[in-house]
């Protein structure tokens, strides 16, 4: 009887361990890509204005306080993109100031924009990296062209992002 009870407890622990490990696994690559693209192509003109004001104020003191002071202006963008990307991808987005692109466009239009539809096409890739081409469309009233590019996901985070420059 005691031996049978031990088997039941072992089985319960095994099931709990599998469930716990399942919760720690990276999210599906397609979901990670969609979350990133939604964040990237959704604008917030108030956030952009706030960032621009901080940049102007901090740019003056950047020379005296070092580069770190200047990047405090980008803190909100960092909070958005850091959980979605690898460190290398985040560095590229910040170095090229890609994170500002949609907000700058929205500020020019005078209205926030967000994607209406995101399509991913699976490309060839390694087993550990899922690479996609993407197409993002916006509502007709925004009058924005489709955005296309390439995105790769590794271990549940975007590891490569390259919007096409023609759009």
Protein backbone atom coordinates (compact mmCIF):
# COMPACT_ATOMS: atom_id res chain seq x y z
CA UNK A 1 0.00 0.00 0.00
CA UNK A 2 2.78 2.40 0.95
CA UNK A 3 4.60 1.58 -2.30
CA UNK A 4 1.49 2.31 -4.38
CA UNK A 5 1.04 5.62 -2.55
CA UNK A 6 4.67 6.53 -3.30
CA UNK A 7 4.06 5.83 -7.01
CA UNK A 8 1.02 8.12 -6.96
CA UNK A 9 3.04 10.90 -5.31
CA UNK A 10 5.87 10.43 -7.81
CA UNK A 11 3.39 10.63 -10.67
CA UNK A 12 1.84 13.80 -9.22
CA UNK A 13 5.27 15.42 -8.82
CA UNK A 14 6.15 14.49 -12.40
CA UNK A 15 2.93 16.06 -13.72
CA UNK A 16 3.51 19.21 -11.65
CA UNK A 17 7.10 19.43 -12.87
CA UNK A 18 5.98 19.16 -16.51
CA UNK A 19 3.35 21.86 -15.97
CA UNK A 20 5.88 24.12 -14.23
CA UNK A 21 8.44 23.68 -17.00
CA UNK A 22 5.77 24.35 -19.62
CA UNK A 23 5.16 27.74 -18.02
CA UNK A 24 8.87 28.57 -18.29
CA UNK A 25 9.15 27.75 -21.99
CA UNK A 26 9.55 30.55 -24.50
CA UNK A 27 6.42 31.69 -26.24
CA UNK A 28 5.75 30.51 -29.79
CA UNK A 29 7.90 32.38 -32.33
CA UNK A 30 4.95 33.64 -34.36
CA UNK A 31 3.34 35.14 -31.25
CA UNK A 32 6.61 36.84 -30.28
CA UNK A 33 6.96 38.29 -33.79
CA UNK A 34 3.38 39.60 -33.78
CA UNK A 35 3.77 41.18 -30.33
CA UNK A 36 6.93 42.97 -31.42
CA UNK A 37 5.44 44.17 -34.73
CA UNK A 38 2.31 45.40 -32.94
CA UNK A 39 4.45 47.35 -30.46
CA UNK A 40 6.69 48.73 -33.20
CA UNK A 41 3.92 49.82 -35.57
CA UNK A 42 1.63 51.24 -32.85
CA UNK A 43 2.31 54.91 -32.25
CA UNK A 44 1.83 57.14 -29.27
CA UNK A 45 2.32 60.81 -30.15
CA UNK A 46 2.27 61.86 -26.47
CA UNK A 47 5.10 59.40 -25.71
CA UNK A 48 7.05 60.77 -28.67
CA UNK A 49 6.59 64.40 -27.61
CA UNK A 50 7.68 63.52 -24.08
CA UNK A 51 10.75 61.69 -25.38
CA UNK A 52 11.61 64.56 -27.73
CA UNK A 53 11.38 67.09 -24.87
CA UNK A 54 13.62 64.93 -22.69
CA UNK A 55 16.11 64.52 -25.55
CA UNK A 56 16.32 68.27 -26.07
CA UNK A 57 16.85 68.90 -22.35
CA UNK A 58 19.28 66.04 -21.86
CA UNK A 59 21.22 66.67 -25.06
CA UNK A 60 22.60 69.83 -23.51
CA UNK A 61 23.83 67.96 -20.44
CA UNK A 62 24.94 64.83 -22.33
CA UNK A 63 28.40 66.22 -22.99
CA UNK A 64 28.91 66.98 -19.31
CA UNK A 65 27.28 63.83 -17.89
CA UNK A 66 28.14 61.27 -20.54
CA UNK A 67 26.08 59.27 -22.99
CA UNK A 68 24.14 57.47 -20.24
CA UNK A 69 22.33 60.67 -19.33
CA UNK A 70 21.15 61.11 -22.92
CA UNK A 71 19.65 57.63 -23.11
CA UNK A 72 17.35 58.33 -20.16
CA UNK A 73 15.13 60.01 -22.75
CA UNK A 74 14.60 56.62 -24.37
CA UNK A 75 13.66 54.84 -21.14
CA UNK A 76 10.00 54.33 -22.09
CA UNK A 77 10.98 52.81 -25.44
CA UNK A 78 13.45 50.57 -23.63
CA UNK A 79 10.65 49.36 -21.34
CA UNK A 80 8.53 48.50 -24.40
CA UNK A 81 11.12 46.72 -26.52
CA UNK A 82 13.55 45.11 -24.02
CA UNK A 83 11.13 42.31 -22.99
CA UNK A 84 10.44 41.52 -26.66
CA UNK A 85 13.97 41.44 -28.09
CA UNK A 86 17.41 40.01 -27.60
CA UNK A 87 20.07 42.43 -26.36
CA UNK A 88 21.75 42.56 -29.79
CA UNK A 89 18.47 43.38 -31.54
CA UNK A 90 17.62 46.04 -28.96
CA UNK A 91 21.02 47.67 -29.47
CA UNK A 92 20.43 47.81 -33.24
CA UNK A 93 16.95 49.29 -32.82
CA UNK A 94 18.34 51.99 -30.54
CA UNK A 95 21.48 52.65 -32.59
CA UNK A 96 19.37 53.22 -35.70
CA UNK A 97 16.59 54.93 -33.71
CA UNK A 98 14.11 52.58 -35.34
CA UNK A 99 11.92 52.67 -32.23
CA UNK A 100 11.01 56.30 -33.02
CA UNK A 101 9.96 55.72 -36.65
CA UNK A 102 6.25 55.07 -36.16
CA UNK A 103 5.87 57.74 -33.48
CA UNK A 104 7.63 60.31 -35.70
CA UNK A 105 5.29 59.46 -38.57
CA UNK A 106 2.25 59.73 -36.30
CA UNK A 107 3.43 63.11 -35.03
CA UNK A 108 3.71 64.31 -38.64
CA UNK A 109 0.18 63.02 -39.36
CA UNK A 110 -1.15 64.48 -36.12
CA UNK A 111 -2.78 61.18 -35.10
CA UNK A 112 -1.83 57.89 -33.50
CA UNK A 113 -1.67 54.84 -35.76
CA UNK A 114 -1.83 51.13 -35.13
CA UNK A 115 -1.67 48.08 -37.35
CA UNK A 116 -4.91 46.66 -38.61
CA UNK A 117 -3.45 43.39 -39.89
CA UNK A 118 -0.10 41.62 -39.53
CA UNK A 119 0.78 38.81 -41.93
CA UNK A 120 3.81 36.58 -41.41
CA UNK A 121 5.26 34.32 -44.08
CA UNK A 122 7.54 31.58 -42.82
CA UNK A 123 10.96 31.60 -44.39
CA UNK A 124 13.75 29.06 -44.40
CA UNK A 125 15.77 29.07 -41.23
CA UNK A 126 17.64 27.11 -38.64
CA UNK A 127 15.85 24.90 -36.13
CA UNK A 128 16.54 27.36 -33.31
CA UNK A 129 15.65 30.51 -35.24
CA UNK A 130 12.35 31.15 -36.99
CA UNK A 131 12.65 33.76 -39.71
CA UNK A 132 9.67 35.49 -41.31
CA UNK A 133 8.88 38.13 -43.85
CA UNK A 134 6.06 40.35 -42.72
CA UNK A 135 3.45 42.72 -44.10
CA UNK A 136 1.65 45.20 -41.87
CA UNK A 137 -1.43 47.03 -43.08
CA UNK A 138 -3.12 50.00 -41.46
CA UNK A 139 -6.71 51.20 -41.61
CA UNK A 140 -7.73 52.91 -44.84
CA UNK A 141 -8.48 56.17 -43.02
CA UNK A 142 -4.83 56.46 -41.90
CA UNK A 143 -3.83 56.48 -45.58
CA UNK A 144 -0.54 54.77 -44.74
CA UNK A 145 1.16 52.35 -47.12
CA UNK A 146 1.80 48.74 -46.19
CA UNK A 147 5.00 48.12 -44.27
CA UNK A 148 7.10 45.07 -45.07
CA UNK A 149 10.35 43.58 -43.83
CA UNK A 150 12.04 40.65 -42.16
CA UNK A 151 11.96 39.46 -38.57
CA UNK A 152 13.57 36.51 -36.76
CA UNK A 153 12.69 35.00 -33.41
CA UNK A 154 15.04 32.97 -31.24
CA UNK A 155 14.10 31.55 -27.84
CA UNK A 156 10.88 33.55 -27.75
CA UNK A 157 12.50 36.95 -28.45
CA UNK A 158 13.01 38.92 -31.63
CA UNK A 159 16.66 38.54 -32.59
CA UNK A 160 16.59 40.33 -35.96
CA UNK A 161 14.35 43.08 -37.33
CA UNK A 162 14.74 44.85 -40.64
CA UNK A 163 11.93 46.94 -42.13
CA UNK A 164 12.16 47.42 -45.89
CA UNK A 165 13.45 50.88 -46.67
CA UNK A 166 11.23 51.42 -49.72
CA UNK A 167 8.13 51.79 -47.57
